[in-house]
Amino acid sequence: MHLKGCLHTHTTCSDGKMTPQEVADVYAALGYDFLAFTDHDHLWKPDQEARYGAVKSELLILQGVELTVFERGYLHVNRIKGEREELHVLNHLGDYDLDVPQVIDRLAALAARYPLDAVEVTSKGFLRPEFEVPEITYPKIATDDAHERIHCGRAWIELDAPRDTDAVLRAVKNGDFWNCYAKGAPP
């Protein structure tokens, strides 16, 4: 089955401007098949999981968290859970003011603490081409990192897999997906 999705969104459960239901509704209207809620760990609301669970949508909803990790400065790592699988993504490489050798150094340090599976080569849905290099050996994903409506639908991944959270996460881990960008969002 051909699937389209976003693996990095924020809601009012942390610093997003839309409720989980509103985020799901926006992405469903954009033709997405799956979506990950990845609110910030240090801003979580006490009733967050209940608010995620109350979302009514045909979308395949994945729950995650954007972890703030200190490794020679702060970095953000999304941990996204399926039924059995778990995916770890180093987020928005372009937001740290690091060059490629510094990113590779941070990746090596992070890999000692987390089972890193992929890196995010977009910032708010815009490609950072300096990180689309073979020296960064992890699968490279495009996401919106949406905090408000204007961020939604700029960048996404597509893949061919069963409509199942674990299948989506395995496809990303294996690099079996492709990045896509909306018209007007520089690829």
Foldseek 3Di string as FASTA:
>chain_A
DKFKEFEAEEDPQFQFPHFLQVVQVLVVVVVGAEYEYAEEPVGGDPCVVVSNVPHDHNHHYWYWYFYWDDDVHTWTWIWIDFPPDIAIETEDPPVPPDAPVVVLVSVVVVVVVDVHQEYEQADQLAGPVRNVDVVPPHQYAGHRNHRYSVSPQAKIKMADFPSGPVRVRVCRSVNRIDMDGDVVRHD
